[in-house]
Amino acid sequence: MKHVFKHIKIALLICSMISSLTMLGQVTTKDSTRTVQLWSLSTGGHIPLFDLAKRYTPFAMISVDYAKKNTDGWLYGASFDAMYGTSVKNSEDIFGGLTDESGNFMGVNGEFAIIQPGLSGAQVLVNTGKLLKSHYNPNSGWVFMQGIGVTQSKIGLRNQRNNLPQLESPFLEGYDRLHRGLVTKTTLRYMHLDHKERVNYAFNLLLNMGLTRSVRGFNIDTGLFDDNYKFEAGVGASFTWFLPIYAKQESFYLID
């Protein structure tokens, strides 16, 4: 019997030593850096600069983004940006040869054509970023992100009555100013990931810089070749809403 009590005492002593050395815990967003997949939707505005500003006025941008953040605060992912604007600079000069003295487009059968020119564009990027300084919790704070990819922009035309054949393919290609090229996007973001994983968002400041070239190579309205490279840039701001998908929580040990 004494041997039984002796073994029990030894077992209790071992358990006491283990419990004093370790404590079982659970990963939480509030107090631990976590691996998370971030699906997001962003909307904002953009002010064009340099050669892009010669063709377009400020425009809107909507983005769909995917990024994965690891426990070291690094983010990797990709994004798709759709650009949309309602105004084209110097549209009277571009389409002036197709209008009457009052600036009206004359369609077939003597009817007026209602034409609405605007920016239509998109860009696809791969992105990487780093959580620079956490705030609120270890997964929230200031994030610097850099992306590189391809871009395309053109004058999109909405012909409401479809009665102006001069602005239909293949003639339209001589007016649309289609450009393609490489682009970089720099983002300074304040990211908020909620303790309870419910309200997750970010505010963003954006800088786009790209080098593009006309795909058409010729503009009908000017009668000139257009084969020069263009430096296109823009600054903007946007708001992002996240749908986070956290990695499966794993238990870990904290050394006492």
C-alpha atoms as a PDB file:
ATOM      1  CA  MET A   1       0.000   0.000   0.000  1.00  0.00           C
ATOM      2  CA  LYS A   2       2.877   2.286   0.809  1.00  0.00           C
ATOM      3  CA  HIS A   3       4.230   1.700  -2.686  1.00  0.00           C
ATOM      4  CA  VAL A   4       0.869   2.770  -4.188  1.00  0.00           C
ATOM      5  CA  PHE A   5       0.872   6.047  -2.240  1.00  0.00           C
ATOM      6  CA  LYS A   6       4.476   6.578  -3.257  1.00  0.00           C
ATOM      7  CA  HIS A   7       3.620   6.212  -6.941  1.00  0.00           C
ATOM      8  CA  ILE A   8       0.629   8.546  -6.564  1.00  0.00           C
ATOM      9  CA  LYS A   9       2.818  11.180  -4.939  1.00  0.00           C
ATOM     10  CA  ILE A  10       5.354  10.893  -7.755  1.00  0.00           C
ATOM     11  CA  ALA A  11       2.589  11.227 -10.402  1.00  0.00           C
ATOM     12  CA  LEU A  12       1.133  14.292  -8.661  1.00  0.00           C
ATOM     13  CA  LEU A  13       4.566  15.851  -8.437  1.00  0.00           C
ATOM     14  CA  ILE A  14       5.182  15.328 -12.176  1.00  0.00           C
ATOM     15  CA  CYS A  15       1.777  16.820 -13.060  1.00  0.00           C
ATOM     16  CA  SER A  16       2.475  19.796 -10.836  1.00  0.00           C
ATOM     17  CA  MET A  17       5.816  20.393 -12.533  1.00  0.00           C
ATOM     18  CA  ILE A  18       4.270  20.185 -16.011  1.00  0.00           C
ATOM     19  CA  SER A  19       1.438  22.567 -15.140  1.00  0.00           C
ATOM     20  CA  SER A  20       3.895  25.068 -13.704  1.00  0.00           C
ATOM     21  CA  LEU A  21       5.941  25.011 -16.915  1.00  0.00           C
ATOM     22  CA  THR A  22       3.176  25.106 -19.521  1.00  0.00           C
ATOM     23  CA  MET A  23      -0.280  26.483 -19.964  1.00  0.00           C
ATOM     24  CA  LEU A  24      -2.626  25.503 -22.782  1.00  0.00           C
ATOM     25  CA  GLY A  25      -3.945  28.500 -24.730  1.00  0.00           C
ATOM     26  CA  GLN A  26      -6.047  29.299 -27.787  1.00  0.00           C
ATOM     27  CA  VAL A  27      -5.114  31.575 -30.704  1.00  0.00           C
ATOM     28  CA  THR A  28      -7.318  34.687 -30.830  1.00  0.00           C
ATOM     29  CA  THR A  29      -7.328  37.715 -33.092  1.00  0.00           C
ATOM     30  CA  LYS A  30      -7.217  39.994 -30.074  1.00  0.00           C
ATOM     31  CA  ASP A  31      -3.893  38.855 -28.670  1.00  0.00           C
ATOM     32  CA  SER A  32      -2.145  36.751 -31.339  1.00  0.00           C
ATOM     33  CA  THR A  33      -0.951  37.194 -34.909  1.00  0.00           C
ATOM     34  CA  ARG A  34      -2.943  34.872 -37.139  1.00  0.00           C
ATOM     35  CA  THR A  35      -2.872  33.436 -40.628  1.00  0.00           C
ATOM     36  CA  VAL A  36      -5.877  34.694 -42.572  1.00  0.00           C
ATOM     37  CA  GLN A  37      -7.156  34.788 -46.136  1.00  0.00           C
ATOM     38  CA  LEU A  38      -8.645  38.180 -46.977  1.00  0.00           C
ATOM     39  CA  TRP A  39     -11.243  38.435 -49.735  1.00  0.00           C
ATOM     40  CA  SER A  40     -12.189  42.053 -50.271  1.00  0.00           C
ATOM     41  CA  LEU A  41     -14.171  44.562 -52.303  1.00  0.00           C
ATOM     42  CA  SER A  42     -12.983  48.170 -52.631  1.00  0.00           C
ATOM     43  CA  THR A  43     -14.484  51.307 -54.106  1.00  0.00           C
ATOM     44  CA  GLY A  44     -12.970  54.743 -54.483  1.00  0.00           C
ATOM     45  CA  GLY A  45     -11.953  57.612 -56.734  1.00  0.00           C
ATOM     46  CA  HIS A  46      -8.864  58.381 -58.797  1.00  0.00           C
ATOM     47  CA  ILE A  47      -7.302  61.574 -60.150  1.00  0.00           C
ATOM     48  CA  PRO A  48      -5.326  60.987 -63.386  1.00  0.00           C
ATOM     49  CA  LEU A  49      -1.880  62.540 -63.859  1.00  0.00           C
ATOM     50  CA  PHE A  50       0.581  63.066 -66.721  1.00  0.00           C
ATOM     51  CA  ASP A  51      -0.449  61.443 -70.039  1.00  0.00           C
ATOM     52  CA  LEU A  52      -3.534  59.810 -68.556  1.00  0.00           C
ATOM     53  CA  ALA A  53      -4.796  63.262 -67.541  1.00  0.00           C
ATOM     54  CA  LYS A  54      -4.552  64.370 -71.178  1.00  0.00           C
ATOM     55  CA  ARG A  55      -7.319  61.923 -72.080  1.00  0.00           C
ATOM     56  CA  TYR A  56      -9.526  61.586 -68.982  1.00  0.00           C
ATOM     57  CA  THR A  57     -10.915  63.475 -66.008  1.00  0.00           C
ATOM     58  CA  PRO A  58     -11.204  61.932 -62.466  1.00  0.00           C
ATOM     59  CA  PHE A  59     -12.779  58.490 -62.478  1.00  0.00           C
ATOM     60  CA  ALA A  60     -14.044  55.752 -60.185  1.00  0.00           C
ATOM     61  CA  MET A  61     -12.322  52.452 -59.429  1.00  0.00           C
ATOM     62  CA  ILE A  62     -13.787  49.209 -58.091  1.00  0.00           C
ATOM     63  CA  SER A  63     -11.427  46.435 -56.996  1.00  0.00           C
ATOM     64  CA  VAL A  64     -11.726  42.767 -56.107  1.00  0.00           C
ATOM     65  CA  ASP A  65      -8.770  41.566 -54.079  1.00  0.00           C
ATOM     66  CA  TYR A  66      -7.393  38.406 -52.525  1.00  0.00           C
ATOM     67  CA  ALA A  67      -4.525  38.352 -50.041  1.00  0.00           C
ATOM     68  CA  LYS A  68      -3.132  35.922 -47.504  1.00  0.00           C
ATOM     69  CA  LYS A  69      -1.551  37.271 -44.328  1.00  0.00           C
ATOM     70  CA  ASN A  70       0.841  35.079 -42.385  1.00  0.00           C
ATOM     71  CA  THR A  71       1.811  35.254 -38.730  1.00  0.00           C
ATOM     72  CA  ASP A  72       4.826  37.439 -39.564  1.00  0.00           C
ATOM     73  CA  GLY A  73       2.580  40.168 -40.959  1.00  0.00           C
ATOM     74  CA  TRP A  74       3.421  39.596 -44.637  1.00  0.00           C
ATOM     75  CA  LEU A  75       0.631  39.676 -47.226  1.00  0.00           C
ATOM     76  CA  TYR A  76       0.633  38.070 -50.679  1.00  0.00           C
ATOM     77  CA  GLY A  77      -2.132  38.090 -53.268  1.00  0.00           C
ATOM     78  CA  ALA A  78      -3.661  39.450 -56.458  1.00  0.00           C
ATOM     79  CA  SER A  79      -6.246  42.034 -57.440  1.00  0.00           C
ATOM     80  CA  PHE A  80      -8.467  43.120 -60.316  1.00  0.00           C
ATOM     81  CA  ASP A  81      -9.296  46.817 -60.703  1.00  0.00           C
ATOM     82  CA  ALA A  82     -12.095  48.092 -62.930  1.00  0.00           C
ATOM     83  CA  MET A  83     -11.902  51.773 -63.936  1.00  0.00           C
ATOM     84  CA  TYR A  84     -14.929  53.766 -64.993  1.00  0.00           C
ATOM     85  CA  GLY A  85     -15.311  57.442 -65.872  1.00  0.00           C
ATOM     86  CA  THR A  86     -18.041  59.516 -67.489  1.00  0.00           C
ATOM     87  CA  SER A  87     -15.911  62.276 -69.004  1.00  0.00           C
ATOM     88  CA  VAL A  88     -13.324  62.324 -71.762  1.00  0.00           C
ATOM     89  CA  LYS A  89     -11.090  65.318 -72.270  1.00  0.00           C
ATOM     90  CA  ASN A  90     -11.343  67.053 -75.649  1.00  0.00           C
ATOM     91  CA  SER A  91     -14.188  64.788 -76.759  1.00  0.00           C
ATOM     92  CA  GLU A  92     -15.418  67.599 -79.028  1.00  0.00           C
ATOM     93  CA  ASP A  93     -12.117  67.527 -80.905  1.00  0.00           C
ATOM     94  CA  ILE A  94     -12.073  63.730 -81.138  1.00  0.00           C
ATOM     95  CA  PHE A  95     -15.640  63.318 -82.380  1.00  0.00           C
ATOM     96  CA  GLY A  96     -16.137  66.760 -83.897  1.00  0.00           C
ATOM     97  CA  GLY A  97     -15.946  65.406 -87.445  1.00  0.00           C
ATOM     98  CA  LEU A  98     -19.069  63.306 -86.770  1.00  0.00           C
ATOM     99  CA  THR A  99     -21.302  66.107 -85.427  1.00  0.00           C
ATOM    100  CA  ASP A 100     -23.241  69.004 -86.938  1.00  0.00           C
ATOM    101  CA  GLU A 101     -22.673  72.685 -86.167  1.00  0.00           C
ATOM    102  CA  SER A 102     -24.603  72.340 -82.900  1.00  0.00           C
ATOM    103  CA  GLY A 103     -22.522  69.393 -81.731  1.00  0.00           C
ATOM    104  CA  ASN A 104     -25.221  66.769 -82.378  1.00  0.00           C
ATOM    105  CA  PHE A 105     -24.434  63.322 -83.730  1.00  0.00           C
ATOM    106  CA  MET A 106     -26.470  62.639 -86.844  1.00  0.00           C
ATOM    107  CA  GLY A 107     -27.505  59.025 -87.110  1.00  0.00           C
ATOM    108  CA  VAL A 108     -29.236  57.055 -89.835  1.00  0.00           C
ATOM    109  CA  ASN A 109     -32.583  58.317 -91.207  1.00  0.00           C
ATOM    110  CA  GLY A 110     -31.757  61.816 -89.990  1.00  0.00           C
ATOM    111  CA  GLU A 111     -32.229  60.911 -86.324  1.00  0.00           C
ATOM    112  CA  PHE A 112     -29.990  62.247 -83.604  1.00  0.00           C
ATOM    113  CA  ALA A 113     -27.632  59.677 -82.059  1.00  0.00           C
ATOM    114  CA  ILE A 114     -27.078  59.833 -78.310  1.00  0.00           C
ATOM    115  CA  ILE A 115     -23.419  59.092 -77.650  1.00  0.00           C
ATOM    116  CA  GLN A 116     -21.883  59.079 -74.160  1.00  0.00           C
ATOM    117  CA  PRO A 117     -18.075  58.737 -74.165  1.00  0.00           C
ATOM    118  CA  GLY A 118     -16.242  57.729 -71.006  1.00  0.00           C
ATOM    119  CA  LEU A 119     -13.259  55.894 -69.628  1.00  0.00           C
ATOM    120  CA  SER A 120     -13.383  52.112 -69.641  1.00  0.00           C
ATOM    121  CA  GLY A 121     -10.376  50.287 -68.227  1.00  0.00           C
ATOM    122  CA  ALA A 122      -8.995  47.547 -66.037  1.00  0.00           C
ATOM    123  CA  GLN A 123      -5.791  46.299 -64.477  1.00  0.00           C
ATOM    124  CA  VAL A 124      -4.655  42.986 -63.010  1.00  0.00           C
ATOM    125  CA  LEU A 125      -1.876  42.919 -60.419  1.00  0.00           C
ATOM    126  CA  VAL A 126       0.029  40.623 -58.101  1.00  0.00           C
ATOM    127  CA  ASN A 127       0.643  42.221 -54.707  1.00  0.00           C
ATOM    128  CA  THR A 128       2.837  41.886 -51.667  1.00  0.00           C
ATOM    129  CA  GLY A 129       2.697  43.859 -48.441  1.00  0.00           C
ATOM    130  CA  LYS A 130       3.777  44.128 -44.820  1.00  0.00           C
ATOM    131  CA  LEU A 131       1.997  45.087 -41.629  1.00  0.00           C
ATOM    132  CA  LEU A 132       4.292  47.892 -40.494  1.00  0.00           C
ATOM    133  CA  LYS A 133       2.880  48.845 -37.139  1.00  0.00           C
ATOM    134  CA  SER A 134       0.086  47.028 -35.374  1.00  0.00           C
ATOM    135  CA  HIS A 135      -2.696  48.899 -33.636  1.00  0.00           C
ATOM    136  CA  TYR A 136      -5.871  47.805 -31.860  1.00  0.00           C
ATOM    137  CA  ASN A 137      -4.686  44.185 -32.100  1.00  0.00           C
ATOM    138  CA  PRO A 138      -1.660  42.339 -33.556  1.00  0.00           C
ATOM    139  CA  ASN A 139      -3.498  41.802 -36.881  1.00  0.00           C
ATOM    140  CA  SER A 140      -4.592  45.414 -37.461  1.00  0.00           C
ATOM    141  CA  GLY A 141      -2.679  48.574 -38.261  1.00  0.00           C
ATOM    142  CA  TRP A 142      -0.739  50.309 -41.018  1.00  0.00           C
ATOM    143  CA  VAL A 143       0.044  48.184 -44.066  1.00  0.00           C
ATOM    144  CA  PHE A 144       2.318  49.038 -46.999  1.00  0.00           C
ATOM    145  CA  MET A 145       1.507  47.164 -50.215  1.00  0.00           C
ATOM    146  CA  GLN A 146       3.140  47.104 -53.634  1.00  0.00           C
ATOM    147  CA  GLY A 147       1.642  45.594 -56.767  1.00  0.00           C
ATOM    148  CA  ILE A 148       2.772  45.095 -60.352  1.00  0.00           C
ATOM    149  CA  GLY A 149       0.730  44.025 -63.344  1.00  0.00           C
ATOM    150  CA  VAL A 150      -0.841  44.977 -66.651  1.00  0.00           C
ATOM    151  CA  THR A 151      -3.325  47.729 -67.463  1.00  0.00           C
ATOM    152  CA  GLN A 152      -5.691  48.679 -70.256  1.00  0.00           C
ATOM    153  CA  SER A 153      -7.726  51.823 -70.857  1.00  0.00           C
ATOM    154  CA  LYS A 154      -9.842  53.154 -73.704  1.00  0.00           C
ATOM    155  CA  ILE A 155     -12.672  55.511 -74.539  1.00  0.00           C
ATOM    156  CA  GLY A 156     -15.842  53.507 -74.084  1.00  0.00           C
ATOM    157  CA  LEU A 157     -18.858  54.685 -76.057  1.00  0.00           C
ATOM    158  CA  ARG A 158     -22.453  54.119 -75.078  1.00  0.00           C
ATOM    159  CA  ASN A 159     -24.607  54.456 -78.191  1.00  0.00           C
ATOM    160  CA  GLN A 160     -28.117  54.422 -76.745  1.00  0.00           C
ATOM    161  CA  ARG A 161     -29.927  54.153 -80.085  1.00  0.00           C
ATOM    162  CA  ASN A 162     -27.354  52.144 -82.043  1.00  0.00           C
ATOM    163  CA  ASN A 163     -27.921  54.362 -85.035  1.00  0.00           C
ATOM    164  CA  LEU A 164     -24.443  55.750 -85.736  1.00  0.00           C
ATOM    165  CA  PRO A 165     -22.485  53.292 -87.898  1.00  0.00           C
ATOM    166  CA  GLN A 166     -19.474  55.633 -87.988  1.00  0.00           C
ATOM    167  CA  LEU A 167     -18.819  54.676 -84.352  1.00  0.00           C
ATOM    168  CA  GLU A 168     -19.214  50.946 -84.751  1.00  0.00           C
ATOM    169  CA  SER A 169     -16.475  48.406 -85.431  1.00  0.00           C
ATOM    170  CA  PRO A 170     -14.182  48.607 -87.343  1.00  0.00           C
ATOM    171  CA  PHE A 171     -14.414  52.429 -87.471  1.00  0.00           C
ATOM    172  CA  LEU A 172     -14.670  52.738 -83.690  1.00  0.00           C
ATOM    173  CA  GLU A 173     -11.138  51.411 -83.267  1.00  0.00           C
ATOM    174  CA  GLY A 174      -9.797  54.624 -84.808  1.00  0.00           C
ATOM    175  CA  TYR A 175     -11.330  56.721 -82.032  1.00  0.00           C
ATOM    176  CA  ASP A 176     -11.170  54.647 -78.836  1.00  0.00           C
ATOM    177  CA  ARG A 177      -7.547  55.446 -77.828  1.00  0.00           C
ATOM    178  CA  LEU A 178      -6.989  51.867 -76.614  1.00  0.00           C
ATOM    179  CA  HIS A 179      -3.768  51.675 -74.582  1.00  0.00           C
ATOM    180  CA  ARG A 180      -2.089  48.741 -72.842  1.00  0.00           C
ATOM    181  CA  GLY A 181       1.038  48.394 -70.775  1.00  0.00           C
ATOM    182  CA  LEU A 182       2.658  47.734 -67.420  1.00  0.00           C
ATOM    183  CA  VAL A 183       1.504  49.315 -64.171  1.00  0.00           C
ATOM    184  CA  THR A 184       2.539  49.483 -60.525  1.00  0.00           C
ATOM    185  CA  LYS A 185       0.208  50.269 -57.634  1.00  0.00           C
ATOM    186  CA  THR A 186       1.483  51.489 -54.271  1.00  0.00           C
ATOM    187  CA  THR A 187      -0.972  51.390 -51.367  1.00  0.00           C
ATOM    188  CA  LEU A 188      -0.764  52.761 -47.860  1.00  0.00           C
ATOM    189  CA  ARG A 189      -3.554  51.097 -45.918  1.00  0.00           C
ATOM    190  CA  TYR A 190      -4.979  51.252 -42.446  1.00  0.00           C
ATOM    191  CA  MET A 191      -6.430  47.775 -41.884  1.00  0.00           C
ATOM    192  CA  HIS A 192      -8.888  46.880 -39.135  1.00  0.00           C
ATOM    193  CA  LEU A 193      -9.515  43.197 -38.374  1.00  0.00           C
ATOM    194  CA  ASP A 194     -12.110  42.857 -35.645  1.00  0.00           C
ATOM    195  CA  HIS A 195     -11.578  40.900 -32.406  1.00  0.00           C
ATOM    196  CA  LYS A 196     -14.804  39.003 -33.080  1.00  0.00           C
ATOM    197  CA  GLU A 197     -14.088  38.602 -36.812  1.00  0.00           C
ATOM    198  CA  ARG A 198     -17.226  40.540 -37.803  1.00  0.00           C
ATOM    199  CA  VAL A 199     -16.403  44.121 -38.829  1.00  0.00           C
ATOM    200  CA  ASN A 200     -13.290  44.182 -41.030  1.00  0.00           C
ATOM    201  CA  TYR A 201     -12.322  47.092 -43.250  1.00  0.00           C
ATOM    202  CA  ALA A 202      -9.509  49.340 -44.496  1.00  0.00           C
ATOM    203  CA  PHE A 203      -8.908  52.895 -45.678  1.00  0.00           C
ATOM    204  CA  ASN A 204      -6.448  53.216 -48.561  1.00  0.00           C
ATOM    205  CA  LEU A 205      -4.286  55.858 -50.232  1.00  0.00           C
ATOM    206  CA  LEU A 206      -3.230  54.834 -53.756  1.00  0.00           C
ATOM    207  CA  LEU A 207      -0.539  55.742 -56.269  1.00  0.00           C
ATOM    208  CA  ASN A 208      -0.661  54.223 -59.752  1.00  0.00           C
ATOM    209  CA  MET A 209       2.191  54.525 -62.273  1.00  0.00           C
ATOM    210  CA  GLY A 210       2.260  52.894 -65.671  1.00  0.00           C
ATOM    211  CA  LEU A 211       3.953  52.831 -69.056  1.00  0.00           C
ATOM    212  CA  THR A 212       1.531  52.207 -71.928  1.00  0.00           C
ATOM    213  CA  ARG A 213       1.317  52.376 -75.703  1.00  0.00           C
ATOM    214  CA  SER A 214      -1.530  52.713 -78.188  1.00  0.00           C
ATOM    215  CA  VAL A 215      -2.742  49.375 -79.522  1.00  0.00           C
ATOM    216  CA  ARG A 216      -4.299  50.970 -82.614  1.00  0.00           C
ATOM    217  CA  GLY A 217      -1.256  53.011 -83.606  1.00  0.00           C
ATOM    218  CA  PHE A 218      -3.390  55.465 -85.575  1.00  0.00           C
ATOM    219  CA  ASN A 219      -6.149  57.971 -84.772  1.00  0.00           C
ATOM    220  CA  ILE A 220      -8.764  58.704 -87.415  1.00  0.00           C
ATOM    221  CA  ASP A 221      -9.727  62.092 -85.988  1.00  0.00           C
ATOM    222  CA  THR A 222      -6.183  63.487 -86.172  1.00  0.00           C
ATOM    223  CA  GLY A 223      -5.006  61.485 -89.166  1.00  0.00           C
ATOM    224  CA  LEU A 224      -1.740  60.861 -87.302  1.00  0.00           C
ATOM    225  CA  PHE A 225       0.173  57.825 -86.125  1.00  0.00           C
ATOM    226  CA  ASP A 226       0.186  57.233 -82.347  1.00  0.00           C
ATOM    227  CA  ASP A 227       3.043  54.925 -81.434  1.00  0.00           C
ATOM    228  CA  ASN A 228       4.756  56.768 -78.561  1.00  0.00           C
ATOM    229  CA  TYR A 229       5.005  55.340 -75.074  1.00  0.00           C
ATOM    230  CA  LYS A 230       2.896  57.157 -72.473  1.00  0.00           C
ATOM    231  CA  PHE A 231       3.701  57.688 -68.797  1.00  0.00           C
ATOM    232  CA  GLU A 232       0.381  57.372 -66.997  1.00  0.00           C
ATOM    233  CA  ALA A 233      -0.124  57.946 -63.287  1.00  0.00           C
ATOM    234  CA  GLY A 234      -2.821  58.757 -60.788  1.00  0.00           C
ATOM    235  CA  VAL A 235      -3.535  59.218 -57.101  1.00  0.00           C
ATOM    236  CA  GLY A 236      -6.649  58.095 -55.292  1.00  0.00           C
ATOM    237  CA  ALA A 237      -8.361  56.916 -52.141  1.00  0.00           C
ATOM    238  CA  SER A 238     -10.650  53.983 -51.471  1.00  0.00           C
ATOM    239  CA  PHE A 239     -12.539  52.044 -48.821  1.00  0.00           C
ATOM    240  CA  THR A 240     -12.221  48.261 -48.499  1.00  0.00           C
ATOM    241  CA  TRP A 241     -14.547  45.719 -46.901  1.00  0.00           C
ATOM    242  CA  PHE A 242     -12.962  42.368 -45.972  1.00  0.00           C
ATOM    243  CA  LEU A 243     -14.347  38.873 -45.737  1.00  0.00           C
ATOM    244  CA  PRO A 244     -11.678  37.114 -43.633  1.00  0.00           C
ATOM    245  CA  ILE A 245     -11.203  33.345 -43.572  1.00  0.00           C
ATOM    246  CA  TYR A 246      -8.931  32.415 -40.700  1.00  0.00           C
ATOM    247  CA  ALA A 247      -6.757  29.342 -40.599  1.00  0.00           C
ATOM    248  CA  LYS A 248      -7.956  26.515 -38.396  1.00  0.00           C
ATOM    249  CA  GLN A 249      -7.192  27.445 -34.818  1.00  0.00           C
ATOM    250  CA  GLU A 250      -4.464  25.392 -33.246  1.00  0.00           C
ATOM    251  CA  SER A 251      -3.635  25.015 -29.601  1.00  0.00           C
ATOM    252  CA  PHE A 252      -0.248  26.176 -28.468  1.00  0.00           C
ATOM    253  CA  TYR A 253       1.768  26.230 -25.289  1.00  0.00           C
ATOM    254  CA  LEU A 254       2.915  29.291 -23.408  1.00  0.00           C
ATOM    255  CA  ILE A 255       5.989  28.824 -21.267  1.00  0.00           C
ATOM    256  CA  ASP A 256       5.397  30.115 -17.763  1.00  0.00           C
END
